[in-house]
Amino acid sequence: MSKNHVGNIKNNKVSNHSVMAKVFHWGFAIAFTYGIAKQVDNIGQLEDFALLRFEVIFAVGWLVLLALRYVYMSKIETPELPDDTSQFQKIAAKVVHLGMYVSFAAVAITGLLIGLVFWMGLKSGILVSAILGLHGISVNVTYLLVTIHIIAAVLHRFKRNGVWDSMVPVWKEAKESQSGTKD
């Protein structure tokens, strides 16, 4: 395992992620929550040019940061699971993480397409319906994958294998003393 890998595994526990990885992770969680809270409820709201411009800027910024995060996490700081993690779980974790990148990008890209067709004057029809449908599917897939990610993180917390502590600043795992008892 190279030194760039997070998860220098000691006693089958994963080490902490870097501050940058934590900023990316929690920054995306906050931005995603914000995006859900302020979402456009109806395409007609895009009549407000200031809102349309904000949505475009938010989506483009999201895509840029998503690309930077992907490069950072895949090239600079590659996360690892403990050695005793089953091959199925390791594959599932990779599929969920990659799926989140794809679905996050799909939400932003389809949102940009919605803005584009609306700006072009198309407010209904098969093209608009298709893009809205893809956007809705992307959002629902994102919700599903984020939910799976959170459930897996909580399960790792109960397994006390360091995965939770490597990224989450609260509800820390109990540390074991050298005698093997919990502190």
C-alpha atoms as a PDB file:
ATOM      1  CA  MET A   1       0.000   0.000   0.000  1.00  0.00           C
ATOM      2  CA  SER A   2       1.470   3.345  -0.989  1.00  0.00           C
ATOM      3  CA  LYS A   3       1.852   6.242   1.404  1.00  0.00           C
ATOM      4  CA  ASN A   4      -0.873   8.106  -0.510  1.00  0.00           C
ATOM      5  CA  HIS A   5      -3.442   5.605   0.650  1.00  0.00           C
ATOM      6  CA  VAL A   6      -5.585   6.553   3.574  1.00  0.00           C
ATOM      7  CA  GLY A   7      -6.023   3.576   5.691  1.00  0.00           C
ATOM      8  CA  ASN A   8      -2.544   2.733   6.725  1.00  0.00           C
ATOM      9  CA  ILE A   9      -4.095  -0.121   8.585  1.00  0.00           C
ATOM     10  CA  LYS A  10      -2.914  -0.714  12.137  1.00  0.00           C
ATOM     11  CA  ASN A  11      -4.491  -3.491  14.156  1.00  0.00           C
ATOM     12  CA  ASN A  12      -7.032  -3.730  11.310  1.00  0.00           C
ATOM     13  CA  LYS A  13      -8.196  -0.115  11.872  1.00  0.00           C
ATOM     14  CA  VAL A  14      -8.195   2.609   9.260  1.00  0.00           C
ATOM     15  CA  SER A  15      -6.264   5.840   9.880  1.00  0.00           C
ATOM     16  CA  ASN A  16      -7.772   9.318   9.549  1.00  0.00           C
ATOM     17  CA  HIS A  17      -8.429  11.104   6.283  1.00  0.00           C
ATOM     18  CA  SER A  18      -6.597  14.368   5.654  1.00  0.00           C
ATOM     19  CA  VAL A  19      -8.138  17.719   6.496  1.00  0.00           C
ATOM     20  CA  MET A  20      -8.636  18.337   2.748  1.00  0.00           C
ATOM     21  CA  ALA A  21     -10.572  15.071   2.330  1.00  0.00           C
ATOM     22  CA  LYS A  22     -12.762  15.965   5.320  1.00  0.00           C
ATOM     23  CA  VAL A  23     -13.388  19.471   3.942  1.00  0.00           C
ATOM     24  CA  PHE A  24     -14.413  17.984   0.584  1.00  0.00           C
ATOM     25  CA  HIS A  25     -16.656  15.380   2.237  1.00  0.00           C
ATOM     26  CA  TRP A  26     -18.451  17.649   4.693  1.00  0.00           C
ATOM     27  CA  GLY A  27     -18.483  20.588   2.287  1.00  0.00           C
ATOM     28  CA  PHE A  28     -20.325  18.427  -0.232  1.00  0.00           C
ATOM     29  CA  ALA A  29     -22.732  17.226   2.461  1.00  0.00           C
ATOM     30  CA  ILE A  30     -23.549  20.844   3.352  1.00  0.00           C
ATOM     31  CA  ALA A  31     -23.817  21.971  -0.294  1.00  0.00           C
ATOM     32  CA  PHE A  32     -26.014  18.971  -1.157  1.00  0.00           C
ATOM     33  CA  THR A  33     -28.301  19.698   1.790  1.00  0.00           C
ATOM     34  CA  TYR A  34     -28.463  23.339   0.724  1.00  0.00           C
ATOM     35  CA  GLY A  35     -29.277  22.297  -2.854  1.00  0.00           C
ATOM     36  CA  ILE A  36     -32.133  20.121  -1.626  1.00  0.00           C
ATOM     37  CA  ALA A  37     -33.496  22.886   0.609  1.00  0.00           C
ATOM     38  CA  LYS A  38     -33.461  25.552  -2.102  1.00  0.00           C
ATOM     39  CA  GLN A  39     -34.426  23.404  -5.060  1.00  0.00           C
ATOM     40  CA  VAL A  40     -36.648  24.756  -7.804  1.00  0.00           C
ATOM     41  CA  ASP A  41     -40.116  23.295  -7.276  1.00  0.00           C
ATOM     42  CA  ASN A  42     -41.454  24.150 -10.691  1.00  0.00           C
ATOM     43  CA  ILE A  43     -39.796  25.025 -13.969  1.00  0.00           C
ATOM     44  CA  GLY A  44     -41.830  28.246 -14.151  1.00  0.00           C
ATOM     45  CA  GLN A  45     -39.724  29.666 -11.324  1.00  0.00           C
ATOM     46  CA  LEU A  46     -36.899  29.962 -13.844  1.00  0.00           C
ATOM     47  CA  GLU A  47     -38.718  32.963 -15.330  1.00  0.00           C
ATOM     48  CA  ASP A  48     -36.792  34.873 -12.666  1.00  0.00           C
ATOM     49  CA  PHE A  49     -33.500  35.422 -14.505  1.00  0.00           C
ATOM     50  CA  ALA A  50     -31.593  35.987 -11.248  1.00  0.00           C
ATOM     51  CA  LEU A  51     -32.705  32.541 -10.023  1.00  0.00           C
ATOM     52  CA  LEU A  52     -31.829  30.920 -13.351  1.00  0.00           C
ATOM     53  CA  ARG A  53     -28.365  32.538 -13.282  1.00  0.00           C
ATOM     54  CA  PHE A  54     -27.834  31.413  -9.659  1.00  0.00           C
ATOM     55  CA  GLU A  55     -28.865  27.830 -10.520  1.00  0.00           C
ATOM     56  CA  VAL A  56     -26.427  27.761 -13.451  1.00  0.00           C
ATOM     57  CA  ILE A  57     -23.566  29.124 -11.332  1.00  0.00           C
ATOM     58  CA  PHE A  58     -24.367  26.657  -8.518  1.00  0.00           C
ATOM     59  CA  ALA A  59     -24.454  23.693 -10.943  1.00  0.00           C
ATOM     60  CA  VAL A  60     -21.221  24.666 -12.723  1.00  0.00           C
ATOM     61  CA  GLY A  61     -19.471  25.261  -9.393  1.00  0.00           C
ATOM     62  CA  TRP A  62     -20.758  21.903  -8.157  1.00  0.00           C
ATOM     63  CA  LEU A  63     -19.345  20.133 -11.224  1.00  0.00           C
ATOM     64  CA  VAL A  64     -15.952  21.832 -10.886  1.00  0.00           C
ATOM     65  CA  LEU A  65     -15.689  20.960  -7.190  1.00  0.00           C
ATOM     66  CA  LEU A  66     -16.930  17.426  -7.864  1.00  0.00           C
ATOM     67  CA  ALA A  67     -14.192  16.938 -10.478  1.00  0.00           C
ATOM     68  CA  LEU A  68     -11.551  18.328  -8.104  1.00  0.00           C
ATOM     69  CA  ARG A  69     -12.786  16.071  -5.315  1.00  0.00           C
ATOM     70  CA  TYR A  70     -12.740  13.034  -7.597  1.00  0.00           C
ATOM     71  CA  VAL A  71      -9.168  13.715  -8.700  1.00  0.00           C
ATOM     72  CA  TYR A  72      -8.043  14.349  -5.123  1.00  0.00           C
ATOM     73  CA  MET A  73      -9.688  11.239  -3.701  1.00  0.00           C
ATOM     74  CA  SER A  74      -8.677   8.939  -6.568  1.00  0.00           C
ATOM     75  CA  LYS A  75      -5.138  10.170  -7.203  1.00  0.00           C
ATOM     76  CA  ILE A  76      -3.861  11.817  -4.028  1.00  0.00           C
ATOM     77  CA  GLU A  77      -5.703  10.208  -1.148  1.00  0.00           C
ATOM     78  CA  THR A  78      -7.134   6.820  -1.971  1.00  0.00           C
ATOM     79  CA  PRO A  79      -9.382   5.495   0.801  1.00  0.00           C
ATOM     80  CA  GLU A  80      -8.953   1.942   2.004  1.00  0.00           C
ATOM     81  CA  LEU A  81     -11.135  -0.370   4.036  1.00  0.00           C
ATOM     82  CA  PRO A  82      -9.709  -2.634   6.756  1.00  0.00           C
ATOM     83  CA  ASP A  83      -8.003  -5.810   5.559  1.00  0.00           C
ATOM     84  CA  ASP A  84     -10.704  -8.065   6.981  1.00  0.00           C
ATOM     85  CA  THR A  85     -13.438  -6.390   4.909  1.00  0.00           C
ATOM     86  CA  SER A  86     -15.058  -8.869   2.525  1.00  0.00           C
ATOM     87  CA  GLN A  87     -14.421  -8.534  -1.201  1.00  0.00           C
ATOM     88  CA  PHE A  88     -18.170  -7.998  -1.692  1.00  0.00           C
ATOM     89  CA  GLN A  89     -18.140  -5.025   0.709  1.00  0.00           C
ATOM     90  CA  LYS A  90     -15.067  -3.533  -0.962  1.00  0.00           C
ATOM     91  CA  ILE A  91     -16.697  -3.776  -4.392  1.00  0.00           C
ATOM     92  CA  ALA A  92     -20.008  -2.437  -3.037  1.00  0.00           C
ATOM     93  CA  ALA A  93     -18.191   0.537  -1.465  1.00  0.00           C
ATOM     94  CA  LYS A  94     -16.478   1.355  -4.771  1.00  0.00           C
ATOM     95  CA  VAL A  95     -19.758   1.034  -6.693  1.00  0.00           C
ATOM     96  CA  VAL A  96     -21.601   3.304  -4.231  1.00  0.00           C
ATOM     97  CA  HIS A  97     -18.819   5.909  -4.201  1.00  0.00           C
ATOM     98  CA  LEU A  98     -18.459   5.974  -7.993  1.00  0.00           C
ATOM     99  CA  GLY A  99     -22.243   5.933  -8.318  1.00  0.00           C
ATOM    100  CA  MET A 100     -22.469   8.999  -6.089  1.00  0.00           C
ATOM    101  CA  TYR A 101     -19.983  10.868  -8.294  1.00  0.00           C
ATOM    102  CA  VAL A 102     -21.965   9.926 -11.418  1.00  0.00           C
ATOM    103  CA  SER A 103     -25.357  10.744  -9.903  1.00  0.00           C
ATOM    104  CA  PHE A 104     -24.139  14.045  -8.409  1.00  0.00           C
ATOM    105  CA  ALA A 105     -22.799  15.002 -11.841  1.00  0.00           C
ATOM    106  CA  ALA A 106     -25.997  13.833 -13.562  1.00  0.00           C
ATOM    107  CA  VAL A 107     -28.134  16.002 -11.269  1.00  0.00           C
ATOM    108  CA  ALA A 108     -26.066  19.081 -12.120  1.00  0.00           C
ATOM    109  CA  ILE A 109     -25.823  18.321 -15.849  1.00  0.00           C
ATOM    110  CA  THR A 110     -29.547  17.645 -16.237  1.00  0.00           C
ATOM    111  CA  GLY A 111     -30.242  20.767 -14.174  1.00  0.00           C
ATOM    112  CA  LEU A 112     -28.086  22.762 -16.578  1.00  0.00           C
ATOM    113  CA  LEU A 113     -29.957  21.236 -19.512  1.00  0.00           C
ATOM    114  CA  ILE A 114     -33.262  22.244 -17.919  1.00  0.00           C
ATOM    115  CA  GLY A 115     -31.954  25.797 -17.583  1.00  0.00           C
ATOM    116  CA  LEU A 116     -30.701  25.778 -21.177  1.00  0.00           C
ATOM    117  CA  VAL A 117     -33.948  24.602 -22.747  1.00  0.00           C
ATOM    118  CA  PHE A 118     -35.920  27.005 -20.572  1.00  0.00           C
ATOM    119  CA  TRP A 119     -33.628  29.879 -21.562  1.00  0.00           C
ATOM    120  CA  MET A 120     -34.142  28.863 -25.211  1.00  0.00           C
ATOM    121  CA  GLY A 121     -37.887  29.301 -24.677  1.00  0.00           C
ATOM    122  CA  LEU A 122     -38.829  25.629 -24.423  1.00  0.00           C
ATOM    123  CA  LYS A 123     -41.071  25.282 -21.396  1.00  0.00           C
ATOM    124  CA  SER A 124     -42.955  22.119 -22.286  1.00  0.00           C
ATOM    125  CA  GLY A 125     -42.855  19.261 -24.755  1.00  0.00           C
ATOM    126  CA  ILE A 126     -41.142  15.932 -25.096  1.00  0.00           C
ATOM    127  CA  LEU A 127     -37.573  17.279 -24.796  1.00  0.00           C
ATOM    128  CA  VAL A 128     -38.365  19.208 -21.617  1.00  0.00           C
ATOM    129  CA  SER A 129     -40.259  16.215 -20.200  1.00  0.00           C
ATOM    130  CA  ALA A 130     -37.363  13.869 -21.005  1.00  0.00           C
ATOM    131  CA  ILE A 131     -34.785  16.140 -19.360  1.00  0.00           C
ATOM    132  CA  LEU A 132     -37.027  16.655 -16.308  1.00  0.00           C
ATOM    133  CA  GLY A 133     -37.485  12.872 -16.107  1.00  0.00           C
ATOM    134  CA  LEU A 134     -33.715  12.246 -16.251  1.00  0.00           C
ATOM    135  CA  HIS A 135     -33.184  14.928 -13.635  1.00  0.00           C
ATOM    136  CA  GLY A 136     -35.743  13.298 -11.334  1.00  0.00           C
ATOM    137  CA  ILE A 137     -34.177   9.854 -11.799  1.00  0.00           C
ATOM    138  CA  SER A 138     -30.719  11.304 -11.082  1.00  0.00           C
ATOM    139  CA  VAL A 139     -31.974  12.950  -7.893  1.00  0.00           C
ATOM    140  CA  ASN A 140     -33.653   9.734  -6.700  1.00  0.00           C
ATOM    141  CA  VAL A 141     -30.566   7.622  -7.453  1.00  0.00           C
ATOM    142  CA  THR A 142     -28.476  10.171  -5.542  1.00  0.00           C
ATOM    143  CA  TYR A 143     -30.812   9.961  -2.537  1.00  0.00           C
ATOM    144  CA  LEU A 144     -30.581   6.153  -2.618  1.00  0.00           C
ATOM    145  CA  LEU A 145     -26.783   6.087  -2.851  1.00  0.00           C
ATOM    146  CA  VAL A 146     -26.318   8.733  -0.137  1.00  0.00           C
ATOM    147  CA  THR A 147     -28.645   6.719   2.124  1.00  0.00           C
ATOM    148  CA  ILE A 148     -26.644   3.535   1.491  1.00  0.00           C
ATOM    149  CA  HIS A 149     -23.427   5.478   2.183  1.00  0.00           C
ATOM    150  CA  ILE A 150     -24.755   6.777   5.514  1.00  0.00           C
ATOM    151  CA  ILE A 151     -26.048   3.345   6.576  1.00  0.00           C
ATOM    152  CA  ALA A 152     -22.671   1.789   5.736  1.00  0.00           C
ATOM    153  CA  ALA A 153     -20.849   4.497   7.709  1.00  0.00           C
ATOM    154  CA  VAL A 154     -23.032   3.854  10.762  1.00  0.00           C
ATOM    155  CA  LEU A 155     -22.446   0.106  10.457  1.00  0.00           C
ATOM    156  CA  HIS A 156     -18.693   0.747  10.372  1.00  0.00           C
ATOM    157  CA  ARG A 157     -19.116   2.861  13.501  1.00  0.00           C
ATOM    158  CA  PHE A 158     -20.569  -0.144  15.313  1.00  0.00           C
ATOM    159  CA  LYS A 159     -17.842  -2.423  13.920  1.00  0.00           C
ATOM    160  CA  ARG A 160     -15.286  -0.034  15.463  1.00  0.00           C
ATOM    161  CA  ASN A 161     -12.832  -0.588  12.613  1.00  0.00           C
ATOM    162  CA  GLY A 162     -11.766   3.042  12.234  1.00  0.00           C
ATOM    163  CA  VAL A 163     -13.758   3.829   9.093  1.00  0.00           C
ATOM    164  CA  TRP A 164     -16.212   6.064  10.988  1.00  0.00           C
ATOM    165  CA  ASP A 165     -13.494   7.841  12.953  1.00  0.00           C
ATOM    166  CA  SER A 166     -11.456   8.430   9.782  1.00  0.00           C
ATOM    167  CA  MET A 167     -14.046  10.931   8.499  1.00  0.00           C
ATOM    168  CA  VAL A 168     -16.613  11.790  11.179  1.00  0.00           C
ATOM    169  CA  PRO A 169     -15.712  14.281  13.929  1.00  0.00           C
ATOM    170  CA  VAL A 170     -18.440  13.171  16.385  1.00  0.00           C
ATOM    171  CA  TRP A 171     -19.623  10.030  18.199  1.00  0.00           C
ATOM    172  CA  LYS A 172     -16.101   8.631  18.262  1.00  0.00           C
ATOM    173  CA  GLU A 173     -15.402   4.965  18.692  1.00  0.00           C
ATOM    174  CA  ALA A 174     -14.314   3.842  22.151  1.00  0.00           C
ATOM    175  CA  LYS A 175     -10.565   3.385  22.205  1.00  0.00           C
ATOM    176  CA  GLU A 176      -9.101   0.164  23.495  1.00  0.00           C
ATOM    177  CA  SER A 177      -6.296   0.216  26.012  1.00  0.00           C
ATOM    178  CA  GLN A 178      -3.245  -1.990  25.603  1.00  0.00           C
ATOM    179  CA  SER A 179      -4.899  -4.587  27.843  1.00  0.00           C
ATOM    180  CA  GLY A 180      -7.722  -4.909  25.287  1.00  0.00           C
ATOM    181  CA  THR A 181     -10.410  -3.224  27.385  1.00  0.00           C
ATOM    182  CA  LYS A 182     -12.423  -0.212  26.272  1.00  0.00           C
ATOM    183  CA  ASP A 183     -11.524   3.145  27.805  1.00  0.00           C
END
